[in-house]
């Protein structure tokens, strides 16, 4: 195997761990909060972890496409195109689905007084977490496709 291609595979796998690993934990982090101080801290940690998700996610896309250009056979594989399409859908979920659900939570965290988590947060969080679970499911399907290469 070409050394450049092997390096791309290494960076691709490493990026998946760096980018997707923390992403699977973001929801659990926020769900563990018992009061507003913990909730604010959880969302601050989510923000810091999201940086790793973005870096890893960008490297995943770049290395995945680069491997396709070096190994043109990937462009004929159904699992590759399906993975790429699902990845682009998951990527688009950030600005079009997750961000609009996160903004009201951030406002609530900034302006709410007191330590009790308001009921309004529960409704907002339920919507956000549902979308995050969907995105995590998409990533699990992508991982399964890349391992199994079924078609």
C-alpha atoms as a PDB file:
ATOM      1  CA  UNK A   1       0.000   0.000   0.000  1.00  0.00           C
ATOM      2  CA  UNK A   2       1.222   3.490  -0.850  1.00  0.00           C
ATOM      3  CA  UNK A   3       2.781   5.247   2.194  1.00  0.00           C
ATOM      4  CA  UNK A   4       0.723   8.399   1.568  1.00  0.00           C
ATOM      5  CA  UNK A   5      -2.482   6.364   1.467  1.00  0.00           C
ATOM      6  CA  UNK A   6      -1.483   4.550   4.685  1.00  0.00           C
ATOM      7  CA  UNK A   7      -0.852   7.920   6.339  1.00  0.00           C
ATOM      8  CA  UNK A   8      -4.287   9.112   5.203  1.00  0.00           C
ATOM      9  CA  UNK A   9      -5.908   5.970   6.645  1.00  0.00           C
ATOM     10  CA  UNK A  10      -4.082   6.555   9.942  1.00  0.00           C
ATOM     11  CA  UNK A  11      -5.147  10.217  10.110  1.00  0.00           C
ATOM     12  CA  UNK A  12      -8.687   9.231   9.078  1.00  0.00           C
ATOM     13  CA  UNK A  13      -9.057   6.680  11.886  1.00  0.00           C
ATOM     14  CA  UNK A  14      -7.385   8.997  14.393  1.00  0.00           C
ATOM     15  CA  UNK A  15      -9.727  11.814  13.314  1.00  0.00           C
ATOM     16  CA  UNK A  16     -12.745   9.574  13.807  1.00  0.00           C
ATOM     17  CA  UNK A  17     -11.671   8.913  17.373  1.00  0.00           C
ATOM     18  CA  UNK A  18     -10.832  12.573  17.995  1.00  0.00           C
ATOM     19  CA  UNK A  19     -13.955  13.924  16.315  1.00  0.00           C
ATOM     20  CA  UNK A  20     -16.676  11.381  16.942  1.00  0.00           C
ATOM     21  CA  UNK A  21     -15.629  10.132  20.369  1.00  0.00           C
ATOM     22  CA  UNK A  22     -16.348  13.354  22.257  1.00  0.00           C
ATOM     23  CA  UNK A  23     -19.450  13.924  20.128  1.00  0.00           C
ATOM     24  CA  UNK A  24     -21.066  10.789  21.528  1.00  0.00           C
ATOM     25  CA  UNK A  25     -20.551  12.111  25.071  1.00  0.00           C
ATOM     26  CA  UNK A  26     -21.985  15.631  24.642  1.00  0.00           C
ATOM     27  CA  UNK A  27     -25.577  14.689  25.458  1.00  0.00           C
ATOM     28  CA  UNK A  28     -24.674  12.643  28.533  1.00  0.00           C
ATOM     29  CA  UNK A  29     -22.587  15.513  29.851  1.00  0.00           C
ATOM     30  CA  UNK A  30     -25.528  17.915  29.877  1.00  0.00           C
ATOM     31  CA  UNK A  31     -28.001  15.340  31.163  1.00  0.00           C
ATOM     32  CA  UNK A  32     -25.922  14.800  34.306  1.00  0.00           C
ATOM     33  CA  UNK A  33     -26.398  18.371  35.584  1.00  0.00           C
ATOM     34  CA  UNK A  34     -28.487  18.709  38.756  1.00  0.00           C
ATOM     35  CA  UNK A  35     -28.583  22.517  39.089  1.00  0.00           C
ATOM     36  CA  UNK A  36     -27.881  25.638  37.034  1.00  0.00           C
ATOM     37  CA  UNK A  37     -24.225  25.853  38.056  1.00  0.00           C
ATOM     38  CA  UNK A  38     -23.621  22.294  36.891  1.00  0.00           C
ATOM     39  CA  UNK A  39     -25.673  22.896  33.754  1.00  0.00           C
ATOM     40  CA  UNK A  40     -23.687  26.005  32.837  1.00  0.00           C
ATOM     41  CA  UNK A  41     -20.466  24.089  33.460  1.00  0.00           C
ATOM     42  CA  UNK A  42     -21.701  21.169  31.356  1.00  0.00           C
ATOM     43  CA  UNK A  43     -22.496  23.457  28.432  1.00  0.00           C
ATOM     44  CA  UNK A  44     -19.100  25.160  28.787  1.00  0.00           C
ATOM     45  CA  UNK A  45     -17.452  21.719  28.606  1.00  0.00           C
ATOM     46  CA  UNK A  46     -19.652  20.796  25.642  1.00  0.00           C
ATOM     47  CA  UNK A  47     -18.401  23.904  23.869  1.00  0.00           C
ATOM     48  CA  UNK A  48     -14.756  22.967  24.531  1.00  0.00           C
ATOM     49  CA  UNK A  49     -15.302  19.377  23.374  1.00  0.00           C
ATOM     50  CA  UNK A  50     -17.078  20.627  20.267  1.00  0.00           C
ATOM     51  CA  UNK A  51     -13.778  22.131  19.095  1.00  0.00           C
ATOM     52  CA  UNK A  52     -12.339  18.587  18.940  1.00  0.00           C
ATOM     53  CA  UNK A  53     -15.455  17.401  17.143  1.00  0.00           C
ATOM     54  CA  UNK A  54     -15.057  20.127  14.511  1.00  0.00           C
ATOM     55  CA  UNK A  55     -11.328  19.498  13.991  1.00  0.00           C
ATOM     56  CA  UNK A  56     -11.774  15.734  13.832  1.00  0.00           C
ATOM     57  CA  UNK A  57     -14.820  16.066  11.603  1.00  0.00           C
ATOM     58  CA  UNK A  58     -13.003  18.309   9.138  1.00  0.00           C
ATOM     59  CA  UNK A  59     -10.030  15.945   9.002  1.00  0.00           C
ATOM     60  CA  UNK A  60     -12.417  13.034   8.435  1.00  0.00           C
ATOM     61  CA  UNK A  61     -13.940  14.679   5.407  1.00  0.00           C
ATOM     62  CA  UNK A  62     -10.609  15.793   3.953  1.00  0.00           C
ATOM     63  CA  UNK A  63      -8.868  12.441   4.473  1.00  0.00           C
ATOM     64  CA  UNK A  64     -11.886  10.446   3.290  1.00  0.00           C
ATOM     65  CA  UNK A  65     -12.087  12.390   0.042  1.00  0.00           C
ATOM     66  CA  UNK A  66      -8.298  12.284  -0.371  1.00  0.00           C
ATOM     67  CA  UNK A  67      -8.333   8.495  -0.024  1.00  0.00           C
ATOM     68  CA  UNK A  68     -11.012   8.404  -2.713  1.00  0.00           C
ATOM     69  CA  UNK A  69      -8.840  10.420  -5.088  1.00  0.00           C
ATOM     70  CA  UNK A  70      -5.858   8.135  -4.437  1.00  0.00           C
ATOM     71  CA  UNK A  71      -7.940   4.951  -4.641  1.00  0.00           C
ATOM     72  CA  UNK A  72     -10.517   5.604  -7.371  1.00  0.00           C
ATOM     73  CA  UNK A  73     -12.178   2.277  -6.586  1.00  0.00           C
ATOM     74  CA  UNK A  74     -13.742   3.920  -3.533  1.00  0.00           C
ATOM     75  CA  UNK A  75     -15.759   6.167  -5.852  1.00  0.00           C
ATOM     76  CA  UNK A  76     -17.389   3.024  -7.276  1.00  0.00           C
ATOM     77  CA  UNK A  77     -18.299   1.612  -3.861  1.00  0.00           C
ATOM     78  CA  UNK A  78     -21.870   2.080  -2.668  1.00  0.00           C
ATOM     79  CA  UNK A  79     -20.862   2.088   0.988  1.00  0.00           C
ATOM     80  CA  UNK A  80     -18.433   4.987   0.305  1.00  0.00           C
ATOM     81  CA  UNK A  81     -21.102   7.158  -1.353  1.00  0.00           C
ATOM     82  CA  UNK A  82     -23.683   6.244   1.279  1.00  0.00           C
ATOM     83  CA  UNK A  83     -21.219   7.120   4.055  1.00  0.00           C
ATOM     84  CA  UNK A  84     -20.333  10.395   2.355  1.00  0.00           C
ATOM     85  CA  UNK A  85     -24.001  11.340   1.881  1.00  0.00           C
ATOM     86  CA  UNK A  86     -24.829  10.492   5.508  1.00  0.00           C
ATOM     87  CA  UNK A  87     -21.776  12.424   6.685  1.00  0.00           C
ATOM     88  CA  UNK A  88     -22.814  15.514   4.737  1.00  0.00           C
ATOM     89  CA  UNK A  89     -26.332  15.224   6.198  1.00  0.00           C
ATOM     90  CA  UNK A  90     -24.854  14.974   9.712  1.00  0.00           C
ATOM     91  CA  UNK A  91     -22.573  17.923   8.958  1.00  0.00           C
ATOM     92  CA  UNK A  92     -25.525  20.023   7.770  1.00  0.00           C
ATOM     93  CA  UNK A  93     -27.400  19.182  10.959  1.00  0.00           C
ATOM     94  CA  UNK A  94     -24.992  21.437  12.881  1.00  0.00           C
ATOM     95  CA  UNK A  95     -26.088  24.804  11.521  1.00  0.00           C
ATOM     96  CA  UNK A  96     -29.601  23.805  10.431  1.00  0.00           C
ATOM     97  CA  UNK A  97     -30.810  21.603  13.303  1.00  0.00           C
ATOM     98  CA  UNK A  98     -28.492  21.691  16.324  1.00  0.00           C
ATOM     99  CA  UNK A  99     -27.588  25.379  16.411  1.00  0.00           C
ATOM    100  CA  UNK A 100     -31.217  26.614  16.338  1.00  0.00           C
ATOM    101  CA  UNK A 101     -31.983  24.247  19.219  1.00  0.00           C
ATOM    102  CA  UNK A 102     -28.907  25.284  21.195  1.00  0.00           C
ATOM    103  CA  UNK A 103     -29.327  29.078  20.964  1.00  0.00           C
ATOM    104  CA  UNK A 104     -32.409  29.302  23.232  1.00  0.00           C
ATOM    105  CA  UNK A 105     -30.657  27.089  25.776  1.00  0.00           C
ATOM    106  CA  UNK A 106     -27.617  29.367  25.742  1.00  0.00           C
ATOM    107  CA  UNK A 107     -29.883  32.398  26.290  1.00  0.00           C
ATOM    108  CA  UNK A 108     -31.587  30.628  29.178  1.00  0.00           C
ATOM    109  CA  UNK A 109     -28.218  29.745  30.723  1.00  0.00           C
ATOM    110  CA  UNK A 110     -27.060  33.354  30.399  1.00  0.00           C
ATOM    111  CA  UNK A 111     -30.119  35.029  31.904  1.00  0.00           C
ATOM    112  CA  UNK A 112     -31.750  32.574  34.320  1.00  0.00           C
ATOM    113  CA  UNK A 113     -31.372  33.492  37.977  1.00  0.00           C
ATOM    114  CA  UNK A 114     -31.283  30.893  40.710  1.00  0.00           C
ATOM    115  CA  UNK A 115     -29.988  27.346  40.962  1.00  0.00           C
ATOM    116  CA  UNK A 116     -33.082  25.387  40.017  1.00  0.00           C
ATOM    117  CA  UNK A 117     -33.166  24.212  36.416  1.00  0.00           C
ATOM    118  CA  UNK A 118     -36.326  25.693  34.867  1.00  0.00           C
ATOM    119  CA  UNK A 119     -38.969  23.538  33.181  1.00  0.00           C
ATOM    120  CA  UNK A 120     -38.421  25.496  29.976  1.00  0.00           C
ATOM    121  CA  UNK A 121     -34.919  24.001  29.774  1.00  0.00           C
ATOM    122  CA  UNK A 122     -36.301  20.456  29.913  1.00  0.00           C
ATOM    123  CA  UNK A 123     -38.445  21.084  26.833  1.00  0.00           C
ATOM    124  CA  UNK A 124     -35.600  22.760  24.937  1.00  0.00           C
ATOM    125  CA  UNK A 125     -33.089  20.100  25.936  1.00  0.00           C
ATOM    126  CA  UNK A 126     -35.408  17.269  24.914  1.00  0.00           C
ATOM    127  CA  UNK A 127     -35.581  18.687  21.390  1.00  0.00           C
ATOM    128  CA  UNK A 128     -31.801  19.221  21.219  1.00  0.00           C
ATOM    129  CA  UNK A 129     -30.970  15.787  22.611  1.00  0.00           C
ATOM    130  CA  UNK A 130     -33.356  14.067  20.202  1.00  0.00           C
ATOM    131  CA  UNK A 131     -31.504  15.703  17.305  1.00  0.00           C
ATOM    132  CA  UNK A 132     -28.144  14.769  18.834  1.00  0.00           C
ATOM    133  CA  UNK A 133     -29.260  11.139  19.220  1.00  0.00           C
ATOM    134  CA  UNK A 134     -30.256  11.121  15.543  1.00  0.00           C
ATOM    135  CA  UNK A 135     -26.883  12.520  14.566  1.00  0.00           C
ATOM    136  CA  UNK A 136     -25.096   9.934  16.738  1.00  0.00           C
ATOM    137  CA  UNK A 137     -27.136   7.185  15.079  1.00  0.00           C
ATOM    138  CA  UNK A 138     -26.088   8.483  11.662  1.00  0.00           C
ATOM    139  CA  UNK A 139     -22.445   8.366  12.774  1.00  0.00           C
ATOM    140  CA  UNK A 140     -22.865   4.795  14.031  1.00  0.00           C
ATOM    141  CA  UNK A 141     -24.303   3.785  10.646  1.00  0.00           C
ATOM    142  CA  UNK A 142     -21.342   5.444   8.914  1.00  0.00           C
ATOM    143  CA  UNK A 143     -18.886   3.598  11.167  1.00  0.00           C
ATOM    144  CA  UNK A 144     -20.666   0.295  10.470  1.00  0.00           C
ATOM    145  CA  UNK A 145     -20.542   0.958   6.715  1.00  0.00           C
ATOM    146  CA  UNK A 146     -16.844   1.705   6.818  1.00  0.00           C
ATOM    147  CA  UNK A 147     -16.084  -1.426   8.793  1.00  0.00           C
ATOM    148  CA  UNK A 148     -18.355  -3.847   6.930  1.00  0.00           C
ATOM    149  CA  UNK A 149     -18.176  -2.296   3.423  1.00  0.00           C
ATOM    150  CA  UNK A 150     -21.357  -4.229   2.566  1.00  0.00           C
ATOM    151  CA  UNK A 151     -21.894  -2.979  -0.994  1.00  0.00           C
END
